[in-house]
């Protein structure tokens, strides 16, 4: 199998020779990213936009966060929609995702996952995608990522932070995981969402307090999975942080015999499928993966199709420590939009 990691371990170590060696490049990258954020002229559209972003490269829980906000908005009587670039997809112009006909190759795995429950538009130009989404009748636009590019004006920015990794060594790519210098990114954030449990909580609290940004907490847990977790299993995943998925299984008593990570948005091959299927048969183990990984397999044929058929999906859900927080975030987004609307005369 071809395996790998999206984020190198040294990004999350306080001191390393790799980070020291790459720090000049990281400083240059960070400076360019900071200028781009400062000089961007975000397009404003006539709709409230809630951005779910992160400060770092890799998985921090944006997808379950956005899905939770969609669920809350629907309960509030709103008609939310999702905007995203569609990582790995082939859509340049705005494209309304149809889960019945689109594939991960054409729109990306995250888009397929969202589109099963909410109107979703992908496109390289997020402002154009937002306009297309607005035309479908959506009255709250939730943007997955796009925080740093600032091509589309957002009325509220919720930043997800992984409890285990935090802000890493606080250096910019490639010396560290930051997409731009932390103080610069922090200035555009409205709230930080600390997800899970881990050693970075104290650091995150201090950073948020110094920046006078509110911080809230949430956790991710499996949904209706007691029977599945009792089985001896091979878990495999190619998401931003596969280890988070494996730890979720362990934390909830899962009988995890082997954990197989893949790179983020990994395109599974016949060789990958063969190895996983053979290992499961040989050791009499169940196969378990994430929703995001499974949608990349569900329409495949051959061994990949067989892998999809024989893999159980462990669905997870984000739960805020304060159950009223999602509604407050949506209400703040709507209020900021109304203020913007009055000021601009939209």
Protein backbone atom coordinates (compact mmCIF):
# COMPACT_ATOMS: atom_id res chain seq x y z
CA UNK A 1 0.00 0.00 0.00
CA UNK A 2 1.04 3.58 -0.58
CA UNK A 3 0.71 5.45 2.68
CA UNK A 4 1.76 8.85 3.89
CA UNK A 5 0.95 11.80 6.06
CA UNK A 6 -0.46 15.16 5.11
CA UNK A 7 1.36 16.90 7.94
CA UNK A 8 4.90 15.94 9.05
CA UNK A 9 5.40 15.20 12.74
CA UNK A 10 7.97 17.96 13.22
CA UNK A 11 5.31 20.59 12.61
CA UNK A 12 3.87 19.69 16.00
CA UNK A 13 7.14 19.54 17.96
CA UNK A 14 8.34 22.60 19.89
CA UNK A 15 11.87 22.41 18.45
CA UNK A 16 13.21 20.47 15.49
CA UNK A 17 16.10 20.76 13.08
CA UNK A 18 13.70 20.43 10.14
CA UNK A 19 11.70 23.47 11.23
CA UNK A 20 14.89 25.43 11.85
CA UNK A 21 16.20 24.56 8.40
CA UNK A 22 12.92 25.53 6.72
CA UNK A 23 12.17 28.62 8.81
CA UNK A 24 13.48 31.15 6.22
CA UNK A 25 11.15 29.66 3.60
CA UNK A 26 8.32 29.57 6.11
CA UNK A 27 8.86 33.22 7.00
CA UNK A 28 8.79 34.20 3.34
CA UNK A 29 5.66 32.15 2.70
CA UNK A 30 3.99 33.62 5.78
CA UNK A 31 4.78 37.16 4.70
CA UNK A 32 3.31 36.58 1.24
CA UNK A 33 0.19 34.95 2.72
CA UNK A 34 -0.25 37.83 5.16
CA UNK A 35 -0.01 40.41 2.37
CA UNK A 36 -2.53 38.51 0.28
CA UNK A 37 -5.00 38.41 3.15
CA UNK A 38 -4.51 42.11 3.85
CA UNK A 39 -4.73 43.19 0.21
CA UNK A 40 -7.68 41.00 -0.73
CA UNK A 41 -10.89 42.72 -1.75
CA UNK A 42 -13.58 40.20 -0.80
CA UNK A 43 -16.68 40.32 -2.96
CA UNK A 44 -19.82 41.05 -0.98
CA UNK A 45 -23.02 39.32 -1.99
CA UNK A 46 -26.58 39.82 -0.85
CA UNK A 47 -26.69 36.89 1.58
CA UNK A 48 -25.25 36.06 5.02
CA UNK A 49 -22.02 34.07 4.78
CA UNK A 50 -20.64 31.93 7.62
CA UNK A 51 -17.07 30.71 7.08
CA UNK A 52 -15.88 27.53 8.79
CA UNK A 53 -12.10 27.61 8.48
CA UNK A 54 -8.86 26.76 10.21
CA UNK A 55 -5.46 28.35 10.72
CA UNK A 56 -3.45 25.27 9.81
CA UNK A 57 -2.94 22.70 7.07
CA UNK A 58 -4.63 19.36 7.72
CA UNK A 59 -7.85 18.16 9.26
CA UNK A 60 -9.23 20.09 12.21
CA UNK A 61 -12.91 19.12 12.06
CA UNK A 62 -14.35 21.62 9.58
CA UNK A 63 -16.68 19.11 7.90
CA UNK A 64 -18.51 17.85 11.04
CA UNK A 65 -18.66 21.47 12.26
CA UNK A 66 -20.27 22.71 9.06
CA UNK A 67 -22.70 19.78 9.07
CA UNK A 68 -23.73 20.60 12.64
CA UNK A 69 -24.35 24.22 11.68
CA UNK A 70 -26.42 23.09 8.68
CA UNK A 71 -28.54 20.93 10.98
CA UNK A 72 -29.05 23.81 13.42
CA UNK A 73 -29.93 26.27 10.64
CA UNK A 74 -32.53 23.85 9.27
CA UNK A 75 -34.07 23.51 12.73
CA UNK A 76 -34.25 27.32 12.88
CA UNK A 77 -36.35 27.32 9.72
CA UNK A 78 -33.56 28.58 7.47
CA UNK A 79 -32.52 27.12 4.14
CA UNK A 80 -28.72 26.76 4.40
CA UNK A 81 -26.36 25.83 1.60
CA UNK A 82 -22.69 24.84 1.39
CA UNK A 83 -19.99 26.52 -0.72
CA UNK A 84 -16.61 24.85 -1.17
CA UNK A 85 -13.83 24.58 -3.68
CA UNK A 86 -14.26 20.84 -4.16
CA UNK A 87 -10.78 19.53 -3.42
CA UNK A 88 -9.62 17.06 -6.05
CA UNK A 89 -12.63 17.77 -8.27
CA UNK A 90 -12.61 19.12 -11.81
CA UNK A 91 -15.17 21.92 -11.57
CA UNK A 92 -13.81 25.38 -12.30
CA UNK A 93 -17.16 27.11 -12.80
CA UNK A 94 -19.90 26.94 -10.15
CA UNK A 95 -21.49 23.51 -10.15
CA UNK A 96 -24.56 22.37 -8.24
CA UNK A 97 -23.61 18.99 -6.82
CA UNK A 98 -25.88 16.04 -7.58
CA UNK A 99 -24.96 13.06 -5.38
CA UNK A 100 -26.83 10.74 -7.76
CA UNK A 101 -24.63 11.50 -10.76
CA UNK A 102 -21.51 13.31 -9.54
CA UNK A 103 -18.43 11.47 -8.30
CA UNK A 104 -15.52 12.30 -6.02
CA UNK A 105 -13.36 12.62 -9.14
CA UNK A 106 -15.56 15.41 -10.50
CA UNK A 107 -16.57 17.37 -7.38
CA UNK A 108 -14.44 16.07 -4.49
CA UNK A 109 -15.33 13.81 -1.57
CA UNK A 110 -16.45 16.56 0.84
CA UNK A 111 -18.91 17.97 -1.68
CA UNK A 112 -20.53 14.55 -2.17
CA UNK A 113 -20.81 14.11 1.57
CA UNK A 114 -22.48 17.49 2.06
CA UNK A 115 -24.80 17.13 -0.93
CA UNK A 116 -26.53 14.10 0.57
CA UNK A 117 -28.20 16.42 3.10
CA UNK A 118 -27.92 20.04 1.91
CA UNK A 119 -27.74 22.08 -1.30
CA UNK A 120 -24.06 22.26 -2.24
CA UNK A 121 -22.17 24.24 -4.89
CA UNK A 122 -18.49 23.79 -5.74
CA UNK A 123 -16.24 26.08 -7.74
CA UNK A 124 -12.78 27.60 -7.79
CA UNK A 125 -14.32 31.10 -7.57
CA UNK A 126 -16.12 31.05 -4.23
CA UNK A 127 -17.91 34.35 -4.87
CA UNK A 128 -19.37 32.98 -8.10
CA UNK A 129 -20.25 29.75 -6.30
CA UNK A 130 -22.00 31.78 -3.58
CA UNK A 131 -24.10 33.61 -6.17
CA UNK A 132 -25.09 30.31 -7.75
CA UNK A 133 -26.04 28.93 -4.35
CA UNK A 134 -28.07 32.04 -3.57
CA UNK A 135 -30.02 31.52 -6.80
CA UNK A 136 -31.23 28.15 -5.51
CA UNK A 137 -33.07 29.95 -2.70
CA UNK A 138 -30.60 29.38 0.13
CA UNK A 139 -30.74 32.13 2.76
CA UNK A 140 -27.63 31.18 4.78
CA UNK A 141 -24.39 30.34 2.96
CA UNK A 142 -21.91 28.22 4.90
CA UNK A 143 -18.44 28.25 3.38
CA UNK A 144 -16.13 25.31 4.04
CA UNK A 145 -12.61 26.80 4.01
CA UNK A 146 -11.78 29.94 2.03
CA UNK A 147 -10.79 31.79 5.20
CA UNK A 148 -7.31 32.76 4.00
CA UNK A 149 -8.16 33.46 0.34
CA UNK A 150 -10.79 36.04 1.28
CA UNK A 151 -12.26 36.05 -2.23
CA UNK A 152 -15.74 36.10 -0.72
CA UNK A 153 -16.72 38.39 2.15
CA UNK A 154 -17.81 36.41 5.20
CA UNK A 155 -19.99 37.86 7.93
CA UNK A 156 -18.68 35.48 10.57
CA UNK A 157 -15.57 33.28 10.73
CA UNK A 158 -15.60 30.23 13.00
CA UNK A 159 -12.13 28.70 13.27
CA UNK A 160 -11.77 25.02 14.16
CA UNK A 161 -8.76 24.00 16.28
CA UNK A 162 -7.71 20.40 16.87
CA UNK A 163 -7.16 19.62 20.56
CA UNK A 164 -4.16 17.38 19.92
CA UNK A 165 -2.30 19.61 17.53
CA UNK A 166 -3.37 23.17 18.27
CA UNK A 167 -1.27 25.62 16.26
CA UNK A 168 1.72 23.27 16.11
CA UNK A 169 5.11 24.97 16.29
CA UNK A 170 3.46 28.25 15.19
CA UNK A 171 5.54 28.50 12.03
CA UNK A 172 4.20 28.89 8.52
CA UNK A 173 4.33 26.25 5.79
CA UNK A 174 6.69 24.48 5.09
CA UNK A 175 8.41 25.02 8.47
CA UNK A 176 5.14 24.51 10.33
CA UNK A 177 1.42 23.99 9.79
CA UNK A 178 0.22 27.62 9.73
CA UNK A 179 -1.25 28.92 6.47
CA UNK A 180 -0.28 32.47 7.46
CA UNK A 181 1.19 34.06 10.61
CA UNK A 182 -1.04 33.42 13.61
CA UNK A 183 -1.63 37.09 14.62
CA UNK A 184 -2.67 37.98 11.08
CA UNK A 185 -5.14 35.12 10.80
CA UNK A 186 -6.49 35.75 14.29
CA UNK A 187 -7.46 39.30 13.33
CA UNK A 188 -10.02 37.95 10.82
CA UNK A 189 -11.54 35.32 13.15
CA UNK A 190 -14.72 35.81 15.17
CA UNK A 191 -14.61 32.69 17.34
CA UNK A 192 -12.36 29.67 17.92
CA UNK A 193 -13.86 26.20 18.24
CA UNK A 194 -11.63 23.82 20.22
CA UNK A 195 -12.48 20.24 19.19
CA UNK A 196 -11.73 17.19 21.30
CA UNK A 197 -9.35 16.71 24.19
CA UNK A 198 -5.61 17.12 24.10
CA UNK A 199 -2.52 18.85 25.39
CA UNK A 200 -2.99 22.05 23.39
CA UNK A 201 -5.98 23.42 25.28
CA UNK A 202 -4.00 25.71 27.60
CA UNK A 203 -2.06 27.19 24.71
CA UNK A 204 -5.21 27.77 22.68
CA UNK A 205 -6.95 29.44 25.63
CA UNK A 206 -4.00 31.79 26.13
CA UNK A 207 -3.78 32.72 22.45
CA UNK A 208 -7.53 33.34 22.24
CA UNK A 209 -7.50 35.43 25.42
CA UNK A 210 -4.60 37.60 24.23
CA UNK A 211 -6.43 38.22 20.96
CA UNK A 212 -9.71 38.89 22.81
CA UNK A 213 -11.45 36.17 20.79
CA UNK A 214 -14.17 33.97 22.27
CA UNK A 215 -13.42 30.26 22.50
CA UNK A 216 -15.94 27.43 22.67
CA UNK A 217 -15.57 23.65 22.89
CA UNK A 218 -16.93 20.62 21.05
CA UNK A 219 -16.25 16.91 20.71
CA UNK A 220 -16.71 14.31 18.00
CA UNK A 221 -18.39 10.99 18.78
CA UNK A 222 -19.65 7.98 16.78
CA UNK A 223 -23.38 7.83 16.05
CA UNK A 224 -25.30 4.60 16.76
CA UNK A 225 -22.18 2.45 16.49
CA UNK A 226 -22.18 0.17 19.57
CA UNK A 227 -22.52 -3.05 17.57
CA UNK A 228 -19.88 -1.99 15.07
CA UNK A 229 -17.38 -0.98 17.74
CA UNK A 230 -17.56 -4.41 19.38
CA UNK A 231 -16.23 -6.11 16.24
CA UNK A 232 -12.53 -6.75 15.71
CA UNK A 233 -11.63 -4.36 12.95
CA UNK A 234 -9.20 -2.85 10.48
CA UNK A 235 -9.86 0.88 10.27
CA UNK A 236 -8.54 2.76 7.26
CA UNK A 237 -8.74 6.42 6.35
CA UNK A 238 -7.34 9.09 4.07
CA UNK A 239 -8.59 12.27 5.73
CA UNK A 240 -6.63 15.30 6.93
CA UNK A 241 -5.72 13.61 10.22
CA UNK A 242 -6.43 9.85 10.10
CA UNK A 243 -5.10 9.40 13.62
CA UNK A 244 -8.02 11.45 14.92
CA UNK A 245 -10.39 8.90 13.40
CA UNK A 246 -8.48 6.01 14.93
CA UNK A 247 -8.40 7.70 18.33
CA UNK A 248 -12.16 8.26 18.18
CA UNK A 249 -12.62 4.50 17.72
CA UNK A 250 -10.29 3.70 20.62
CA UNK A 251 -11.80 6.35 22.90
CA UNK A 252 -15.26 4.81 22.47
CA UNK A 253 -14.13 1.26 23.18
CA UNK A 254 -13.66 0.09 19.61
CA UNK A 255 -11.84 -3.21 19.09
CA UNK A 256 -9.24 -1.75 16.71
CA UNK A 257 -6.71 -4.39 15.67
CA UNK A 258 -5.02 -2.45 12.88
CA UNK A 259 -5.11 1.20 11.79
CA UNK A 260 -4.16 1.99 8.19
CA UNK A 261 -3.61 5.67 7.35
CA UNK A 262 -3.52 7.12 3.84
CA UNK A 263 -2.77 10.66 2.61
CA UNK A 264 -5.56 13.24 2.68
CA UNK A 265 -8.16 12.79 -0.13
CA UNK A 266 -6.35 9.60 -1.14
CA UNK A 267 -7.55 8.02 -4.38
CA UNK A 268 -7.76 4.36 -3.47
CA UNK A 269 -6.20 1.98 -5.97
CA UNK A 270 -6.97 -1.64 -6.78
CA UNK A 271 -3.75 -2.53 -4.95
CA UNK A 272 -4.92 -0.68 -1.83
CA UNK A 273 -8.28 -2.47 -1.98
CA UNK A 274 -6.65 -5.86 -2.52
CA UNK A 275 -4.36 -5.42 0.47
CA UNK A 276 -7.16 -4.32 2.78
CA UNK A 277 -9.55 -7.05 1.66
CA UNK A 278 -6.86 -9.74 1.96
CA UNK A 279 -5.87 -8.57 5.46
CA UNK A 280 -9.50 -8.60 6.58
CA UNK A 281 -10.13 -12.11 5.20
CA UNK A 282 -6.87 -13.53 6.50
CA UNK A 283 -7.36 -12.24 10.04
CA UNK A 284 -11.17 -12.44 10.14
CA UNK A 285 -11.55 -8.71 10.76
CA UNK A 286 -14.23 -6.21 9.82
CA UNK A 287 -13.35 -3.23 7.63
CA UNK A 288 -14.29 0.23 8.91
CA UNK A 289 -13.77 3.65 7.35
CA UNK A 290 -15.07 7.23 7.44
CA UNK A 291 -17.98 8.68 5.47
CA UNK A 292 -15.57 10.89 3.55
CA UNK A 293 -13.42 7.92 2.52
CA UNK A 294 -16.42 5.77 1.63
CA UNK A 295 -17.88 8.28 -0.84
CA UNK A 296 -14.66 7.99 -2.84
CA UNK A 297 -15.29 4.26 -3.15
CA UNK A 298 -19.07 3.90 -3.43
CA UNK A 299 -19.28 4.19 -7.24
CA UNK A 300 -16.11 2.26 -8.02
CA UNK A 301 -15.97 -1.15 -9.68
CA UNK A 302 -13.62 -4.09 -9.28
CA UNK A 303 -11.82 -4.56 -5.98
CA UNK A 304 -12.53 -0.97 -4.96
CA UNK A 305 -16.23 -1.62 -5.38
CA UNK A 306 -15.88 -4.76 -3.30
CA UNK A 307 -14.02 -2.78 -0.64
CA UNK A 308 -16.88 -0.27 -0.52
CA UNK A 309 -19.42 -3.08 -0.22
CA UNK A 310 -17.56 -4.80 2.60
CA UNK A 311 -16.62 -1.68 4.58
CA UNK A 312 -18.77 -0.39 7.41
CA UNK A 313 -18.96 3.38 7.75
CA UNK A 314 -18.41 4.88 11.19
CA UNK A 315 -20.49 8.03 11.16
CA UNK A 316 -19.43 10.71 13.62
CA UNK A 317 -21.20 13.80 14.84
CA UNK A 318 -19.96 17.03 16.40
CA UNK A 319 -21.48 18.04 19.72
CA UNK A 320 -20.93 21.49 21.19
CA UNK A 321 -20.25 21.62 24.93
CA UNK A 322 -22.78 24.46 25.00
CA UNK A 323 -25.80 23.15 23.02
CA UNK A 324 -26.97 26.70 22.39
CA UNK A 325 -23.74 27.82 20.74
CA UNK A 326 -24.54 26.81 17.11
CA UNK A 327 -27.73 28.89 17.20
CA UNK A 328 -25.80 31.84 18.68
CA UNK A 329 -23.18 31.61 15.91
CA UNK A 330 -25.86 31.57 13.21
CA UNK A 331 -27.71 34.47 14.84
CA UNK A 332 -24.45 36.47 15.02
CA UNK A 333 -23.85 35.77 11.32
CA UNK A 334 -27.33 36.97 10.42
CA UNK A 335 -26.97 40.09 12.60
CA UNK A 336 -23.61 40.98 11.03
CA UNK A 337 -25.15 40.54 7.60
CA UNK A 338 -28.03 42.87 8.46
CA UNK A 339 -25.54 45.50 9.66
CA UNK A 340 -23.54 45.11 6.43
CA UNK A 341 -26.74 45.34 4.42
CA UNK A 342 -27.75 48.61 6.09
CA UNK A 343 -24.29 50.12 5.73
CA UNK A 344 -23.96 49.23 2.05
CA UNK A 345 -27.57 49.84 1.06
CA UNK A 346 -28.00 46.36 -0.41
